[in-house]
Amino acid sequence: MRFLFVGDSMTIGRAGDWTWRYRMWRHLESTLPGGYEIVGPRSSLYDPEAGAPASEAYADPAFPAPARRHLAGWGEGWLHMAPVIGDTVARTGADVLLVSLGLIDLGFYTDSGQTEENVRAFVTAARTANPHVRAVLLPVIPNVRAGYDAPFALECARFNELLAKAVADLDTAASPLLLAPVAESYDLDGDTYDGTHPGPSGEHKLAAAFADAMHQAWGLGGPYAG
């Protein structure tokens, strides 16, 4: 089973981070040993000094190179991933997509309705490449900006409603989709280092959201143990 992590800055991480991808790799190692592969065209972290995804300085230098693979980018959203997901799935043979996108779209590029259109285009392209692809989608976690920008907060809430409807509309037996609930305990002060990007505790909670959704709905892997 080939897993592809798709996301924005919360997923790619920055130099020195563990990343929730690392936490998920550890989970897969304990629940699906020898029965999975992590795929993707990229492997690096974002380097703030270079202003580019140019770092391999993961917090755990023993994080294996093949497990570092992903399709994530600092400043990238549904708008950017929808045009490239089909080719990526075709080239990597991805079976399961773990997707955390949307905040950057709503913050800088598209409104909630336009973002939902890109979600649907993303799913269509992925299924064209692999008609049996599965996907777990994480709702947008409003960041610190939502605390002082009411229109942005409303757009985040509206998009999450549209995302839930899109998942319900597009879910099929041949190509199932899941919406992964974010832990109610997720706290911007305690689980992020800047009001947006996850610190270690936030990384565990994001990985747990994906892992537990897959286990509960598909019997895949096991409960997240951290």
Foldseek 3Di string as FASTA:
>chain_A
DEEAEEEECQALDAAAAQGLLVLLVVLCCVFPNPNYFYAADDQFHQYVVVRARDHPRHNDVPSDRRSRHHHYYHLDALVPQLVPLLVGCLVTVAQEYEYEGDLSCLVPNHFLVVRLVSVVSSVVSNCVSPVQHEYEYEQDDDFPVVVPDVVSVVRSVVNSVSVVVSQVVPADPRYGYHYFYQDPPDDQVPQADHRHHGHPVVSLRSSQSVVVRCCVPPVGTDHRDD
